[in-house]
C-alpha atoms as a PDB file:
ATOM      1  CA  MET A   1       2.306 -14.148 -11.910  1.00  0.00           C
ATOM      2  CA  GLU A   2       0.353 -12.918  -8.926  1.00  0.00           C
ATOM      3  CA  GLY A   3       1.587 -15.723  -6.647  1.00  0.00           C
ATOM      4  CA  ASP A   4       5.159 -14.493  -7.107  1.00  0.00           C
ATOM      5  CA  LEU A   5       4.423 -10.899  -6.001  1.00  0.00           C
ATOM      6  CA  TYR A   6       3.941 -11.658  -2.310  1.00  0.00           C
ATOM      7  CA  ARG A   7       6.060 -13.380   0.312  1.00  0.00           C
ATOM      8  CA  PHE A   8       3.902 -16.252   1.521  1.00  0.00           C
ATOM      9  CA  LYS A   9       4.578 -17.965   4.819  1.00  0.00           C
ATOM     10  CA  LYS A  10       3.421 -21.542   5.263  1.00  0.00           C
ATOM     11  CA  SER A  11       1.201 -22.052   8.282  1.00  0.00           C
ATOM     12  CA  THR A  12       2.723 -23.989  11.178  1.00  0.00           C
ATOM     13  CA  TYR A  13      -0.623 -25.803  11.396  1.00  0.00           C
ATOM     14  CA  SER A  14      -0.264 -27.096   7.839  1.00  0.00           C
ATOM     15  CA  ASP A  15       0.996 -30.432   6.645  1.00  0.00           C
ATOM     16  CA  ASN A  16       0.118 -32.507   9.680  1.00  0.00           C
ATOM     17  CA  GLY A  17      -0.233 -35.537   7.436  1.00  0.00           C
ATOM     18  CA  SER A  18      -3.583 -34.427   6.013  1.00  0.00           C
ATOM     19  CA  GLY A  19      -2.066 -32.906   2.881  1.00  0.00           C
ATOM     20  CA  GLY A  20      -3.461 -29.474   3.734  1.00  0.00           C
ATOM     21  CA  CYS A  21      -0.953 -26.666   3.301  1.00  0.00           C
ATOM     22  CA  VAL A  22      -1.944 -23.026   3.604  1.00  0.00           C
ATOM     23  CA  GLY A  23       0.217 -19.989   2.848  1.00  0.00           C
ATOM     24  CA  VAL A  24      -0.484 -16.475   4.121  1.00  0.00           C
ATOM     25  CA  ALA A  25       1.013 -13.171   2.927  1.00  0.00           C
ATOM     26  CA  LEU A  26       0.578  -9.565   4.020  1.00  0.00           C
ATOM     27  CA  ALA A  27      -0.538  -7.510   1.041  1.00  0.00           C
ATOM     28  CA  GLY A  28      -1.482  -3.845   0.796  1.00  0.00           C
ATOM     29  CA  GLY A  29      -2.980  -3.548   4.271  1.00  0.00           C
ATOM     30  CA  GLY A  30      -4.701  -6.914   3.993  1.00  0.00           C
ATOM     31  CA  VAL A  31      -3.949 -10.603   3.783  1.00  0.00           C
ATOM     32  CA  ARG A  32      -3.796 -13.169   0.983  1.00  0.00           C
ATOM     33  CA  ILE A  33      -4.271 -16.905   1.510  1.00  0.00           C
ATOM     34  CA  ARG A  34      -3.362 -19.619  -0.976  1.00  0.00           C
ATOM     35  CA  ASP A  35      -3.158 -23.384  -1.260  1.00  0.00           C
ATOM     36  CA  GLU A  36       0.559 -24.190  -1.121  1.00  0.00           C
ATOM     37  CA  LYS A  37       0.025 -27.223  -3.379  1.00  0.00           C
ATOM     38  CA  ASP A  38      -1.094 -24.783  -6.107  1.00  0.00           C
ATOM     39  CA  PRO A  39       0.864 -21.556  -5.462  1.00  0.00           C
ATOM     40  CA  LEU A  40      -0.148 -19.974  -8.770  1.00  0.00           C
ATOM     41  CA  GLY A  41      -3.811 -20.840  -8.333  1.00  0.00           C
ATOM     42  CA  ASP A  42      -6.615 -18.723  -6.921  1.00  0.00           C
ATOM     43  CA  GLN A  43      -6.151 -16.828  -3.656  1.00  0.00           C
ATOM     44  CA  LEU A  44      -8.471 -15.533  -0.979  1.00  0.00           C
ATOM     45  CA  VAL A  45      -7.952 -11.825  -0.295  1.00  0.00           C
ATOM     46  CA  PHE A  46      -9.089 -10.146   2.930  1.00  0.00           C
ATOM     47  CA  GLY A  47      -8.938  -6.527   4.025  1.00  0.00           C
ATOM     48  CA  ALA A  48      -7.422  -5.951   7.466  1.00  0.00           C
ATOM     49  CA  SER A  49     -10.747  -5.657   9.305  1.00  0.00           C
ATOM     50  CA  ALA A  50     -12.270  -8.684   7.553  1.00  0.00           C
ATOM     51  CA  TRP A  51      -9.150 -10.733   8.380  1.00  0.00           C
ATOM     52  CA  GLY A  52      -9.407  -9.714  12.045  1.00  0.00           C
ATOM     53  CA  GLU A  53     -13.088 -10.665  12.117  1.00  0.00           C
ATOM     54  CA  LEU A  54     -12.358 -14.037  10.519  1.00  0.00           C
ATOM     55  CA  LEU A  55      -9.634 -14.817  13.071  1.00  0.00           C
ATOM     56  CA  ALA A  56     -11.908 -13.809  15.947  1.00  0.00           C
ATOM     57  CA  GLN A  57     -14.642 -16.130  14.662  1.00  0.00           C
ATOM     58  CA  LEU A  58     -12.226 -19.015  14.133  1.00  0.00           C
ATOM     59  CA  LYS A  59     -10.926 -18.685  17.694  1.00  0.00           C
ATOM     60  CA  THR A  60     -14.432 -19.174  19.095  1.00  0.00           C
ATOM     61  CA  MET A  61     -15.289 -22.255  16.999  1.00  0.00           C
ATOM     62  CA  PRO A  62     -15.216 -25.729  18.555  1.00  0.00           C
ATOM     63  CA  TRP A  63     -12.542 -27.592  16.564  1.00  0.00           C
ATOM     64  CA  PRO A  64     -12.158 -31.391  16.462  1.00  0.00           C
ATOM     65  CA  THR A  65      -9.150 -32.419  18.529  1.00  0.00           C
ATOM     66  CA  SER A  66      -7.660 -34.150  15.485  1.00  0.00           C
ATOM     67  CA  ILE A  67      -6.891 -30.765  13.872  1.00  0.00           C
ATOM     68  CA  VAL A  68      -6.034 -28.715  16.953  1.00  0.00           C
ATOM     69  CA  ARG A  69      -2.312 -28.136  17.374  1.00  0.00           C
ATOM     70  CA  LYS A  70      -0.964 -29.566  20.603  1.00  0.00           C
ATOM     71  CA  SER A  71       0.698 -27.013  22.877  1.00  0.00           C
ATOM     72  CA  ASN A  72       3.855 -29.103  23.207  1.00  0.00           C
ATOM     73  CA  GLN A  73       4.543 -29.193  19.446  1.00  0.00           C
END
């Protein structure tokens, strides 16, 4: 199964009581993202440049304080 081919790391932002768990794996010069509640389900696949662009955009977005990780955690 495809989900078993990559070493996924669970996000430290995941599972803050909301039930959301995201796993990320490096794969062939890119990145794969999956829902940790369904590890054999569909995955998002990004090339390296697309992943970098996504992260840059996410860093500039105004996030509700309820989902922003506190610096002392």
